[in-house]
Amino acid sequence: FCFFFFFFQAEDGIRDAQESRGLGDVYKRQANAYTQNQIFAWLFTFFMYYVIINIGLAVFNLLPIPPLDGSRIVAAFLPDKYVYKYYQYEQLFMFVILALLLFGFFSAPLSFAQNKLYEFVVWLTQMPFYAIIK
C-alpha cells in the first residue's frame, strides 16, 4: 500500500504521509511559473523565425530563372521574340538551379538579399514606435 501511495503522489516534492494534491496542481504551478517575459520571448522568437523564413522564400522565388516567379517579371520586359526562347529552356533551367543550389552558389547572394530585406522589415515595423519614444 505504501508504494502505491507514493507512486501516485504529485511530483512536486511531496513525499510525506499526507495526501497528494494530485498532478493537476503541479501542472497549474508549472503553468504559472512561466513569466510574462518568457511567453513574450517565445512569441517574439516564433514571429522572428516566421518573418525570416518568409523573406527567404520570397527572395528565392524572385530569382529570374524559370519556373520561379522572377522569370515572369523578366519575361514581361523581354521582346516577344526572346520570350519564346526563354521559356523553351525552362526545364533545363530547373536542373541548373538544383545543381547550383546543391553546390552553394546561391548562398552568398541570397543571404545578402535576405539580410537586407530583413533589416528593412525590422526598420519598417519599428518606425511607428520611434514617435512614442521621442
N, C-alpha and C. Protein backbone atom coordinates (compact mmCIF):
# COMPACT_ATOMS: atom_id res chain seq x y z
N PHE A 1 0.82 -1.20 0.00
CA PHE A 1 0.00 0.00 0.00
C PHE A 1 0.87 1.26 0.00
N CYS A 2 1.94 1.23 0.73
CA CYS A 2 2.80 2.42 0.84
C CYS A 2 3.43 2.79 -0.51
N PHE A 3 3.91 1.79 -1.26
CA PHE A 3 4.49 2.06 -2.58
C PHE A 3 3.43 2.64 -3.51
N PHE A 4 2.22 2.08 -3.47
CA PHE A 4 1.14 2.56 -4.31
C PHE A 4 0.81 4.01 -3.98
N PHE A 5 0.83 4.37 -2.71
CA PHE A 5 0.53 5.72 -2.28
C PHE A 5 1.56 6.72 -2.79
N PHE A 6 2.85 6.38 -2.66
CA PHE A 6 3.89 7.31 -3.10
C PHE A 6 4.00 7.37 -4.62
N PHE A 7 3.62 6.31 -5.28
CA PHE A 7 3.72 6.29 -6.74
C PHE A 7 2.78 7.30 -7.37
N PHE A 8 1.61 7.50 -6.79
CA PHE A 8 0.63 8.40 -7.36
C PHE A 8 0.64 9.79 -6.74
N GLN A 9 1.65 10.09 -5.96
CA GLN A 9 1.74 11.44 -5.43
C GLN A 9 2.24 12.39 -6.51
N ALA A 10 1.98 13.66 -6.32
CA ALA A 10 2.44 14.67 -7.27
C ALA A 10 3.95 14.76 -7.23
N GLU A 11 4.52 15.12 -8.34
CA GLU A 11 5.98 15.20 -8.46
C GLU A 11 6.48 16.60 -8.09
N ASP A 12 5.97 17.14 -7.02
CA ASP A 12 6.39 18.48 -6.62
C ASP A 12 7.10 18.48 -5.27
N GLY A 13 7.67 17.39 -4.87
CA GLY A 13 8.42 17.34 -3.64
C GLY A 13 7.64 16.83 -2.46
N ILE A 14 6.36 16.50 -2.63
CA ILE A 14 5.57 15.97 -1.53
C ILE A 14 5.88 14.50 -1.40
N ARG A 15 6.55 14.14 -0.34
CA ARG A 15 6.91 12.75 -0.11
C ARG A 15 6.59 12.32 1.31
N ASP A 16 5.77 13.08 2.01
CA ASP A 16 5.41 12.67 3.37
C ASP A 16 4.10 11.90 3.32
N ALA A 17 3.55 11.62 4.48
CA ALA A 17 2.39 10.74 4.55
C ALA A 17 1.07 11.45 4.28
N GLN A 18 1.08 12.79 4.07
CA GLN A 18 -0.18 13.46 3.81
C GLN A 18 -0.64 13.16 2.37
N GLU A 19 -1.91 13.35 2.14
CA GLU A 19 -2.44 13.02 0.82
C GLU A 19 -1.90 13.98 -0.23
N SER A 20 -1.71 13.44 -1.38
CA SER A 20 -1.24 14.25 -2.50
C SER A 20 -2.37 15.13 -3.01
N ARG A 21 -1.99 16.26 -3.51
CA ARG A 21 -2.98 17.15 -4.10
C ARG A 21 -3.28 16.77 -5.54
N GLY A 22 -2.54 15.83 -6.08
CA GLY A 22 -2.78 15.39 -7.46
C GLY A 22 -1.92 16.14 -8.44
N LEU A 23 -1.84 15.61 -9.62
CA LEU A 23 -0.98 16.22 -10.64
C LEU A 23 -1.57 17.50 -11.22
N GLY A 24 -2.86 17.71 -11.04
CA GLY A 24 -3.47 18.93 -11.57
C GLY A 24 -2.86 20.17 -10.97
N ASP A 25 -2.58 20.16 -9.67
CA ASP A 25 -1.95 21.31 -9.01
C ASP A 25 -0.53 21.52 -9.50
N VAL A 26 0.16 20.43 -9.78
CA VAL A 26 1.53 20.55 -10.28
C VAL A 26 1.53 21.26 -11.62
N TYR A 27 0.64 20.86 -12.50
CA TYR A 27 0.59 21.48 -13.82
C TYR A 27 0.18 22.94 -13.74
N LYS A 28 -0.72 23.25 -12.80
CA LYS A 28 -1.09 24.65 -12.63
C LYS A 28 0.09 25.48 -12.16
N ARG A 29 0.86 24.95 -11.21
CA ARG A 29 2.03 25.69 -10.73
C ARG A 29 3.08 25.83 -11.82
N GLN A 30 3.24 24.79 -12.64
CA GLN A 30 4.21 24.89 -13.72
C GLN A 30 3.76 25.91 -14.75
N ALA A 31 2.47 25.96 -15.03
CA ALA A 31 1.96 26.94 -15.99
C ALA A 31 2.14 28.35 -15.46
N ASN A 32 1.96 28.52 -14.14
CA ASN A 32 2.15 29.85 -13.55
C ASN A 32 3.62 30.21 -13.41
N ALA A 33 4.50 29.22 -13.50
CA ALA A 33 5.92 29.50 -13.34
C ALA A 33 6.48 30.27 -14.52
N TYR A 34 5.84 30.17 -15.68
CA TYR A 34 6.32 30.92 -16.83
C TYR A 34 5.93 32.38 -16.67
N THR A 35 6.90 33.22 -16.71
CA THR A 35 6.62 34.64 -16.54
C THR A 35 6.11 35.22 -17.85
N GLN A 36 5.60 36.39 -17.74
CA GLN A 36 5.10 37.07 -18.92
C GLN A 36 6.25 37.37 -19.89
N ASN A 37 7.43 37.62 -19.37
CA ASN A 37 8.58 37.89 -20.23
C ASN A 37 8.99 36.65 -21.02
N GLN A 38 8.90 35.47 -20.41
CA GLN A 38 9.25 34.25 -21.13
C GLN A 38 8.26 33.97 -22.25
N ILE A 39 7.00 34.17 -21.98
CA ILE A 39 5.99 33.96 -23.02
C ILE A 39 6.19 34.96 -24.15
N PHE A 40 6.46 36.21 -23.80
CA PHE A 40 6.72 37.22 -24.81
C PHE A 40 7.96 36.87 -25.63
N ALA A 41 9.00 36.35 -24.97
CA ALA A 41 10.22 35.97 -25.68
C ALA A 41 9.95 34.82 -26.65
N TRP A 42 9.13 33.87 -26.23
CA TRP A 42 8.80 32.76 -27.13
C TRP A 42 8.00 33.24 -28.33
N LEU A 43 7.03 34.11 -28.09
CA LEU A 43 6.23 34.65 -29.20
C LEU A 43 7.10 35.48 -30.14
N PHE A 44 7.97 36.29 -29.57
CA PHE A 44 8.87 37.10 -30.39
C PHE A 44 9.76 36.21 -31.25
N THR A 45 10.31 35.15 -30.66
CA THR A 45 11.16 34.23 -31.41
C THR A 45 10.39 33.53 -32.51
N PHE A 46 9.16 33.10 -32.22
CA PHE A 46 8.33 32.45 -33.23
C PHE A 46 8.09 33.37 -34.41
N PHE A 47 7.66 34.61 -34.14
CA PHE A 47 7.36 35.53 -35.23
C PHE A 47 8.62 35.98 -35.96
N MET A 48 9.75 36.05 -35.26
CA MET A 48 11.00 36.40 -35.92
C MET A 48 11.37 35.32 -36.94
N TYR A 49 11.29 34.05 -36.53
CA TYR A 49 11.59 32.96 -37.48
C TYR A 49 10.56 32.91 -38.60
N TYR A 50 9.31 33.23 -38.30
CA TYR A 50 8.27 33.28 -39.31
C TYR A 50 8.62 34.31 -40.39
N VAL A 51 9.04 35.48 -39.97
CA VAL A 51 9.41 36.54 -40.91
C VAL A 51 10.67 36.15 -41.69
N ILE A 52 11.67 35.60 -41.02
CA ILE A 52 12.91 35.23 -41.68
C ILE A 52 12.66 34.16 -42.75
N ILE A 53 11.87 33.15 -42.44
CA ILE A 53 11.59 32.09 -43.41
C ILE A 53 10.81 32.64 -44.60
N ASN A 54 9.82 33.49 -44.34
CA ASN A 54 9.04 34.05 -45.44
C ASN A 54 9.87 34.98 -46.31
N ILE A 55 10.77 35.75 -45.72
CA ILE A 55 11.63 36.61 -46.52
C ILE A 55 12.57 35.76 -47.36
N GLY A 56 13.12 34.70 -46.78
CA GLY A 56 14.00 33.81 -47.55
C GLY A 56 13.28 33.18 -48.73
N LEU A 57 12.05 32.74 -48.52
CA LEU A 57 11.28 32.16 -49.62
C LEU A 57 10.94 33.20 -50.68
N ALA A 58 10.63 34.42 -50.26
CA ALA A 58 10.31 35.48 -51.22
C ALA A 58 11.53 35.84 -52.06
N VAL A 59 12.68 35.96 -51.42
CA VAL A 59 13.90 36.30 -52.17
C VAL A 59 14.24 35.19 -53.15
N PHE A 60 14.14 33.94 -52.72
CA PHE A 60 14.43 32.83 -53.61
C PHE A 60 13.44 32.77 -54.77
N ASN A 61 12.18 33.04 -54.49
CA ASN A 61 11.15 32.97 -55.52
C ASN A 61 11.31 34.07 -56.57
N LEU A 62 11.99 35.15 -56.23
CA LEU A 62 12.16 36.24 -57.18
C LEU A 62 13.41 36.10 -58.06
N LEU A 63 14.09 34.96 -57.97
CA LEU A 63 15.20 34.72 -58.89
C LEU A 63 14.67 34.67 -60.31
N PRO A 64 15.36 35.32 -61.24
CA PRO A 64 14.83 35.39 -62.62
C PRO A 64 15.15 34.14 -63.44
N ILE A 65 14.82 32.98 -62.89
CA ILE A 65 15.08 31.72 -63.57
C ILE A 65 13.76 30.94 -63.60
N PRO A 66 13.33 30.49 -64.78
CA PRO A 66 12.11 29.69 -64.82
C PRO A 66 12.27 28.43 -63.99
N PRO A 67 11.31 27.97 -63.34
CA PRO A 67 9.89 28.29 -63.26
C PRO A 67 9.53 29.23 -62.12
N LEU A 68 10.50 29.92 -61.54
CA LEU A 68 10.23 30.82 -60.42
C LEU A 68 9.53 32.08 -60.92
N ASP A 69 8.92 32.82 -59.97
CA ASP A 69 8.14 34.00 -60.34
C ASP A 69 9.01 35.13 -60.88
N GLY A 70 10.27 35.16 -60.51
CA GLY A 70 11.15 36.19 -61.05
C GLY A 70 11.31 36.08 -62.55
N SER A 71 11.17 34.88 -63.09
CA SER A 71 11.27 34.72 -64.55
C SER A 71 10.09 35.37 -65.26
N ARG A 72 8.93 35.38 -64.60
CA ARG A 72 7.76 36.04 -65.21
C ARG A 72 7.97 37.56 -65.26
N ILE A 73 8.65 38.08 -64.26
CA ILE A 73 8.94 39.52 -64.26
C ILE A 73 9.91 39.86 -65.37
N VAL A 74 10.95 39.05 -65.54
CA VAL A 74 11.92 39.28 -66.61
C VAL A 74 11.25 39.12 -67.97
N ALA A 75 10.38 38.11 -68.09
CA ALA A 75 9.70 37.86 -69.37
C ALA A 75 8.80 39.03 -69.76
N ALA A 76 8.27 39.75 -68.78
CA ALA A 76 7.42 40.90 -69.09
C ALA A 76 8.20 42.02 -69.76
N PHE A 77 9.51 42.08 -69.52
CA PHE A 77 10.33 43.14 -70.10
C PHE A 77 11.10 42.70 -71.34
N LEU A 78 11.07 41.42 -71.67
CA LEU A 78 11.78 40.91 -72.84
C LEU A 78 10.95 41.14 -74.10
N PRO A 79 11.60 41.35 -75.24
CA PRO A 79 10.85 41.39 -76.51
C PRO A 79 10.23 40.02 -76.79
N ASP A 80 9.18 40.01 -77.57
CA ASP A 80 8.42 38.79 -77.83
C ASP A 80 9.26 37.69 -78.47
N LYS A 81 10.21 38.04 -79.31
CA LYS A 81 10.99 37.00 -79.99
C LYS A 81 11.94 36.29 -79.02
N TYR A 82 12.30 36.92 -77.90
CA TYR A 82 13.17 36.28 -76.92
C TYR A 82 12.40 35.52 -75.83
N VAL A 83 11.15 35.87 -75.63
CA VAL A 83 10.35 35.21 -74.58
C VAL A 83 10.17 33.73 -74.92
N TYR A 84 9.92 33.42 -76.17
CA TYR A 84 9.73 32.02 -76.57
C TYR A 84 11.00 31.21 -76.28
N LYS A 85 12.15 31.73 -76.63
CA LYS A 85 13.42 31.04 -76.36
C LYS A 85 13.65 30.93 -74.85
N TYR A 86 13.28 31.95 -74.14
CA TYR A 86 13.46 31.98 -72.69
C TYR A 86 12.67 30.84 -72.04
N TYR A 87 11.43 30.66 -72.45
CA TYR A 87 10.60 29.60 -71.87
C TYR A 87 10.87 28.23 -72.49
N GLN A 88 11.53 28.20 -73.64
CA GLN A 88 11.85 26.93 -74.28
C GLN A 88 12.83 26.12 -73.42
N TYR A 89 13.70 26.80 -72.70
CA TYR A 89 14.71 26.13 -71.88
C TYR A 89 14.31 26.07 -70.40
N GLU A 90 13.04 26.18 -70.12
CA GLU A 90 12.57 26.22 -68.73
C GLU A 90 12.93 24.95 -67.97
N GLN A 91 12.76 23.78 -68.57
CA GLN A 91 13.06 22.53 -67.87
C GLN A 91 14.56 22.38 -67.62
N LEU A 92 15.37 22.84 -68.54
CA LEU A 92 16.82 22.79 -68.34
C LEU A 92 17.24 23.71 -67.19
N PHE A 93 16.60 24.86 -67.10
CA PHE A 93 16.91 25.81 -66.02
C PHE A 93 16.61 25.21 -64.65
N MET A 94 15.57 24.37 -64.54
CA MET A 94 15.26 23.76 -63.25
C MET A 94 16.40 22.88 -62.75
N PHE A 95 17.01 22.11 -63.66
CA PHE A 95 18.14 21.27 -63.27
C PHE A 95 19.38 22.10 -62.94
N VAL A 96 19.56 23.19 -63.66
CA VAL A 96 20.69 24.08 -63.39
C VAL A 96 20.52 24.71 -62.01
N ILE A 97 19.30 25.14 -61.67
CA ILE A 97 19.04 25.72 -60.34
C ILE A 97 19.34 24.70 -59.25
N LEU A 98 18.87 23.48 -59.44
CA LEU A 98 19.10 22.43 -58.45
C LEU A 98 20.59 22.19 -58.25
N ALA A 99 21.34 22.12 -59.34
CA ALA A 99 22.79 21.91 -59.23
C ALA A 99 23.47 23.09 -58.54
N LEU A 100 23.08 24.30 -58.90
CA LEU A 100 23.68 25.49 -58.27
C LEU A 100 23.34 25.57 -56.78
N LEU A 101 22.13 25.16 -56.42
CA LEU A 101 21.76 25.15 -55.00
C LEU A 101 22.55 24.12 -54.23
N LEU A 102 22.74 22.95 -54.83
CA LEU A 102 23.49 21.89 -54.14
C LEU A 102 24.95 22.27 -53.92
N PHE A 103 25.52 23.00 -54.85
CA PHE A 103 26.92 23.41 -54.71
C PHE A 103 27.09 24.71 -53.95
N GLY A 104 26.00 25.33 -53.51
CA GLY A 104 26.08 26.52 -52.67
C GLY A 104 26.37 27.80 -53.42
N PHE A 105 26.12 27.82 -54.71
CA PHE A 105 26.41 29.02 -55.50
C PHE A 105 25.53 30.20 -55.10
N PHE A 106 24.29 29.91 -54.71
CA PHE A 106 23.34 30.98 -54.38
C PHE A 106 23.41 31.41 -52.91
N SER A 107 24.22 30.78 -52.11
CA SER A 107 24.23 31.05 -50.67
C SER A 107 24.56 32.50 -50.35
N ALA A 108 25.65 33.00 -50.88
CA ALA A 108 26.08 34.37 -50.54
C ALA A 108 25.11 35.43 -51.07
N PRO A 109 24.74 35.41 -52.36
CA PRO A 109 23.83 36.47 -52.82
C PRO A 109 22.45 36.41 -52.18
N LEU A 110 21.94 35.19 -51.96
CA LEU A 110 20.61 35.09 -51.37
C LEU A 110 20.62 35.51 -49.90
N SER A 111 21.65 35.14 -49.17
CA SER A 111 21.70 35.55 -47.76
C SER A 111 21.90 37.05 -47.63
N PHE A 112 22.67 37.65 -48.55
CA PHE A 112 22.83 39.11 -48.53
C PHE A 112 21.49 39.80 -48.77
N ALA A 113 20.76 39.35 -49.80
CA ALA A 113 19.45 39.95 -50.10
C ALA A 113 18.47 39.70 -48.96
N GLN A 114 18.50 38.51 -48.39
CA GLN A 114 17.60 38.19 -47.29
C GLN A 114 17.90 39.06 -46.07
N ASN A 115 19.17 39.25 -45.74
CA ASN A 115 19.53 40.08 -44.58
C ASN A 115 19.13 41.52 -44.78
N LYS A 116 19.35 42.06 -45.98
CA LYS A 116 18.98 43.46 -46.24
C LYS A 116 17.46 43.64 -46.17
N LEU A 117 16.73 42.69 -46.73
CA LEU A 117 15.27 42.79 -46.67
C LEU A 117 14.76 42.63 -45.24
N TYR A 118 15.39 41.75 -44.46
CA TYR A 118 15.01 41.59 -43.05
C TYR A 118 15.28 42.87 -42.26
N GLU A 119 16.43 43.49 -42.50
CA GLU A 119 16.72 44.76 -41.81
C GLU A 119 15.71 45.83 -42.19
N PHE A 120 15.29 45.85 -43.44
CA PHE A 120 14.28 46.82 -43.87
C PHE A 120 12.95 46.56 -43.19
N VAL A 121 12.54 45.29 -43.10
CA VAL A 121 11.27 44.95 -42.46
C VAL A 121 11.30 45.31 -40.97
N VAL A 122 12.42 45.03 -40.32
CA VAL A 122 12.55 45.39 -38.90
C VAL A 122 12.50 46.90 -38.72
N TRP A 123 13.19 47.62 -39.57
CA TRP A 123 13.17 49.09 -39.50
C TRP A 123 11.76 49.61 -39.74
N LEU A 124 11.06 49.01 -40.70
CA LEU A 124 9.71 49.45 -41.04
C LEU A 124 8.73 49.19 -39.90
N THR A 125 8.88 48.06 -39.23
CA THR A 125 7.97 47.76 -38.12
C THR A 125 8.30 48.55 -36.87
N GLN A 126 9.53 49.00 -36.72
CA GLN A 126 9.90 49.79 -35.55
C GLN A 126 9.60 51.28 -35.73
N MET A 127 9.40 51.71 -36.96
CA MET A 127 9.21 53.13 -37.23
C MET A 127 8.05 53.75 -36.46
N PRO A 128 6.88 53.11 -36.34
CA PRO A 128 5.80 53.76 -35.57
C PRO A 128 6.14 53.99 -34.10
N PHE A 129 7.05 53.20 -33.55
CA PHE A 129 7.38 53.33 -32.13
C PHE A 129 8.42 54.41 -31.87
N TYR A 130 9.08 54.90 -32.90
CA TYR A 130 10.03 55.99 -32.71
C TYR A 130 9.32 57.27 -32.25
N ALA A 131 8.10 57.48 -32.71
CA ALA A 131 7.34 58.66 -32.31
C ALA A 131 6.95 58.57 -30.84
N ILE A 132 6.72 57.36 -30.34
CA ILE A 132 6.35 57.18 -28.93
C ILE A 132 7.55 57.44 -28.02
N ILE A 133 8.72 57.01 -28.46
CA ILE A 133 9.93 57.15 -27.65
C ILE A 133 10.35 58.60 -27.56
N LYS A 134 10.22 59.35 -28.63
CA LYS A 134 10.70 60.74 -28.64
C LYS A 134 9.71 61.70 -28.10
